[in-house]
Amino acid sequence: MGSWTFIIIQSIILMFWIALNVTAYVQQWDPYPFILLNLALSFQAAYAAPFIMMSQNRQQDIDRKSAEDDFKINIKAELEIELLHQKIDQLRETEVLDLTVAVKELTALLRTAKS
């Protein structure tokens, strides 16, 4: 119902209906105010509304599920990034300790070399 094919076919049928009734090429079954045409279109709109609503609800459910999945992925990514930060901090602490030990050793070597 929401496709271009439907809209084009619907438009052609409406133009054909109106043309036949205005020109009276065939017996006029629906004269000018086109009451029967209005009734048919109202029926079609009333019948189509539930389908459109169901389609929107399904799309909403799909979007909600996608948003939940994105949220879960973001939480996992955040936890992984936090874990990486902790590992980097631990490496920095280890490196600082190693550098401190190396500086102390070099300082001790310099003192022994001066004496």
C-alpha atoms as a PDB file:
ATOM      1  CA  MET A   1       0.000   0.000   0.000  1.00  0.00           C
ATOM      2  CA  GLY A   2       2.909   2.352   0.485  1.00  0.00           C
ATOM      3  CA  SER A   3       4.637   1.585  -2.791  1.00  0.00           C
ATOM      4  CA  TRP A   4       4.842   3.691  -5.923  1.00  0.00           C
ATOM      5  CA  THR A   5       3.276   0.849  -7.888  1.00  0.00           C
ATOM      6  CA  PHE A   6       0.187   0.976  -5.683  1.00  0.00           C
ATOM      7  CA  ILE A   7      -0.053   4.771  -5.909  1.00  0.00           C
ATOM      8  CA  ILE A   8       0.266   4.768  -9.712  1.00  0.00           C
ATOM      9  CA  ILE A   9      -2.284   1.977 -10.194  1.00  0.00           C
ATOM     10  CA  GLN A  10      -4.657   3.649  -7.721  1.00  0.00           C
ATOM     11  CA  SER A  11      -4.310   6.983  -9.555  1.00  0.00           C
ATOM     12  CA  ILE A  12      -4.991   5.356 -12.945  1.00  0.00           C
ATOM     13  CA  ILE A  13      -8.099   3.606 -11.592  1.00  0.00           C
ATOM     14  CA  LEU A  14      -9.372   6.875 -10.076  1.00  0.00           C
ATOM     15  CA  MET A  15      -8.805   8.818 -13.300  1.00  0.00           C
ATOM     16  CA  PHE A  16     -10.518   6.058 -15.297  1.00  0.00           C
ATOM     17  CA  TRP A  17     -13.473   6.005 -12.879  1.00  0.00           C
ATOM     18  CA  ILE A  18     -13.901   9.783 -13.003  1.00  0.00           C
ATOM     19  CA  ALA A  19     -13.449   9.960 -16.777  1.00  0.00           C
ATOM     20  CA  LEU A  20     -16.090   7.281 -17.399  1.00  0.00           C
ATOM     21  CA  ASN A  21     -18.577   9.011 -15.113  1.00  0.00           C
ATOM     22  CA  VAL A  22     -17.958  12.560 -16.360  1.00  0.00           C
ATOM     23  CA  THR A  23     -18.040  11.744 -20.072  1.00  0.00           C
ATOM     24  CA  ALA A  24     -20.978   9.344 -19.649  1.00  0.00           C
ATOM     25  CA  TYR A  25     -19.290   7.026 -22.144  1.00  0.00           C
ATOM     26  CA  VAL A  26     -20.901   4.226 -20.210  1.00  0.00           C
ATOM     27  CA  GLN A  27     -24.032   4.599 -18.117  1.00  0.00           C
ATOM     28  CA  GLN A  28     -23.205   6.894 -15.187  1.00  0.00           C
ATOM     29  CA  TRP A  29     -23.169   4.609 -12.155  1.00  0.00           C
ATOM     30  CA  ASP A  30     -21.590   7.313  -9.966  1.00  0.00           C
ATOM     31  CA  PRO A  31     -22.524  10.872 -11.048  1.00  0.00           C
ATOM     32  CA  TYR A  32     -20.507  13.997 -10.242  1.00  0.00           C
ATOM     33  CA  PRO A  33     -20.054  14.259  -6.518  1.00  0.00           C
ATOM     34  CA  PHE A  34     -18.772  10.658  -6.879  1.00  0.00           C
ATOM     35  CA  ILE A  35     -20.410   9.404  -3.689  1.00  0.00           C
ATOM     36  CA  LEU A  36     -19.688   5.760  -4.509  1.00  0.00           C
ATOM     37  CA  LEU A  37     -16.034   6.620  -5.217  1.00  0.00           C
ATOM     38  CA  ASN A  38     -15.805   8.457  -1.876  1.00  0.00           C
ATOM     39  CA  LEU A  39     -17.354   5.464  -0.152  1.00  0.00           C
ATOM     40  CA  ALA A  40     -14.846   3.097  -1.789  1.00  0.00           C
ATOM     41  CA  LEU A  41     -11.899   5.306  -0.870  1.00  0.00           C
ATOM     42  CA  SER A  42     -13.151   5.708   2.710  1.00  0.00           C
ATOM     43  CA  PHE A  43     -13.498   1.944   2.980  1.00  0.00           C
ATOM     44  CA  GLN A  44     -10.000   1.475   1.609  1.00  0.00           C
ATOM     45  CA  ALA A  45      -8.568   4.028   4.072  1.00  0.00           C
ATOM     46  CA  ALA A  46     -10.385   2.444   7.014  1.00  0.00           C
ATOM     47  CA  TYR A  47      -9.199  -1.001   5.949  1.00  0.00           C
ATOM     48  CA  ALA A  48      -5.606   0.157   5.379  1.00  0.00           C
ATOM     49  CA  ALA A  49      -5.192   1.975   8.691  1.00  0.00           C
ATOM     50  CA  PRO A  50      -4.799  -1.181  10.830  1.00  0.00           C
ATOM     51  CA  PHE A  51      -2.223  -2.590   8.397  1.00  0.00           C
ATOM     52  CA  ILE A  52      -0.246   0.638   8.541  1.00  0.00           C
ATOM     53  CA  MET A  53      -0.409   0.689  12.350  1.00  0.00           C
ATOM     54  CA  MET A  54       0.727  -2.943  12.577  1.00  0.00           C
ATOM     55  CA  SER A  55       3.603  -2.195  10.229  1.00  0.00           C
ATOM     56  CA  GLN A  56       4.636   0.790  12.342  1.00  0.00           C
ATOM     57  CA  ASN A  57       4.460  -1.309  15.506  1.00  0.00           C
ATOM     58  CA  ARG A  58       6.669  -3.983  13.946  1.00  0.00           C
ATOM     59  CA  GLN A  59       9.156  -1.340  12.851  1.00  0.00           C
ATOM     60  CA  GLN A  60       9.103   0.140  16.360  1.00  0.00           C
ATOM     61  CA  ASP A  61       9.852  -3.287  17.825  1.00  0.00           C
ATOM     62  CA  ILE A  62      12.737  -3.747  15.388  1.00  0.00           C
ATOM     63  CA  ASP A  63      14.113  -0.284  16.231  1.00  0.00           C
ATOM     64  CA  ARG A  64      13.779  -0.935  19.980  1.00  0.00           C
ATOM     65  CA  LYS A  65      15.638  -4.254  19.668  1.00  0.00           C
ATOM     66  CA  SER A  66      18.350  -2.580  17.613  1.00  0.00           C
ATOM     67  CA  ALA A  67      18.722   0.175  20.221  1.00  0.00           C
ATOM     68  CA  GLU A  68      18.992  -2.427  23.007  1.00  0.00           C
ATOM     69  CA  ASP A  69      21.658  -4.304  21.061  1.00  0.00           C
ATOM     70  CA  ASP A  70      23.577  -1.070  20.451  1.00  0.00           C
ATOM     71  CA  PHE A  71      23.373  -0.247  24.163  1.00  0.00           C
ATOM     72  CA  LYS A  72      24.710  -3.679  25.144  1.00  0.00           C
ATOM     73  CA  ILE A  73      27.559  -3.374  22.646  1.00  0.00           C
ATOM     74  CA  ASN A  74      28.413   0.101  23.964  1.00  0.00           C
ATOM     75  CA  ILE A  75      28.474  -1.189  27.552  1.00  0.00           C
ATOM     76  CA  LYS A  76      30.789  -4.048  26.558  1.00  0.00           C
ATOM     77  CA  ALA A  77      33.043  -1.659  24.668  1.00  0.00           C
ATOM     78  CA  GLU A  78      33.164   0.680  27.652  1.00  0.00           C
ATOM     79  CA  LEU A  79      34.151  -2.185  29.945  1.00  0.00           C
ATOM     80  CA  GLU A  80      36.878  -3.293  27.542  1.00  0.00           C
ATOM     81  CA  ILE A  81      38.223   0.261  27.298  1.00  0.00           C
ATOM     82  CA  GLU A  82      38.237   0.526  31.088  1.00  0.00           C
ATOM     83  CA  LEU A  83      40.139  -2.766  31.294  1.00  0.00           C
ATOM     84  CA  LEU A  84      42.676  -1.478  28.763  1.00  0.00           C
ATOM     85  CA  HIS A  85      43.119   1.703  30.814  1.00  0.00           C
ATOM     86  CA  GLN A  86      43.805  -0.385  33.897  1.00  0.00           C
ATOM     87  CA  LYS A  87      46.390  -2.463  32.020  1.00  0.00           C
ATOM     88  CA  ILE A  88      48.108   0.660  30.694  1.00  0.00           C
ATOM     89  CA  ASP A  89      48.148   2.196  34.186  1.00  0.00           C
ATOM     90  CA  GLN A  90      49.673  -1.005  35.552  1.00  0.00           C
ATOM     91  CA  LEU A  91      52.322  -0.980  32.810  1.00  0.00           C
ATOM     92  CA  ARG A  92      53.152   2.649  33.598  1.00  0.00           C
ATOM     93  CA  GLU A  93      53.521   1.872  37.298  1.00  0.00           C
ATOM     94  CA  THR A  94      55.793  -1.063  36.505  1.00  0.00           C
ATOM     95  CA  GLU A  95      57.834   1.091  34.128  1.00  0.00           C
ATOM     96  CA  VAL A  96      58.151   3.888  36.700  1.00  0.00           C
ATOM     97  CA  LEU A  97      59.313   1.372  39.314  1.00  0.00           C
ATOM     98  CA  ASP A  98      61.860  -0.104  36.887  1.00  0.00           C
ATOM     99  CA  LEU A  99      63.102   3.389  36.004  1.00  0.00           C
ATOM    100  CA  THR A 100      63.362   4.293  39.700  1.00  0.00           C
ATOM    101  CA  VAL A 101      65.427   1.163  40.346  1.00  0.00           C
ATOM    102  CA  ALA A 102      67.632   1.932  37.331  1.00  0.00           C
ATOM    103  CA  VAL A 103      68.185   5.527  38.502  1.00  0.00           C
ATOM    104  CA  LYS A 104      69.110   4.301  41.990  1.00  0.00           C
ATOM    105  CA  GLU A 105      71.561   1.786  40.533  1.00  0.00           C
ATOM    106  CA  LEU A 106      73.110   4.407  38.277  1.00  0.00           C
ATOM    107  CA  THR A 107      73.352   6.840  41.153  1.00  0.00           C
ATOM    108  CA  ALA A 108      75.062   4.191  43.250  1.00  0.00           C
ATOM    109  CA  LEU A 109      77.453   3.433  40.377  1.00  0.00           C
ATOM    110  CA  LEU A 110      78.281   7.137  40.016  1.00  0.00           C
ATOM    111  CA  ARG A 111      78.969   7.449  43.724  1.00  0.00           C
ATOM    112  CA  THR A 112      81.233   4.426  43.739  1.00  0.00           C
ATOM    113  CA  ALA A 113      83.015   5.704  40.660  1.00  0.00           C
ATOM    114  CA  LYS A 114      83.683   9.087  42.338  1.00  0.00           C
ATOM    115  CA  SER A 115      85.135   7.502  45.417  1.00  0.00           C
END
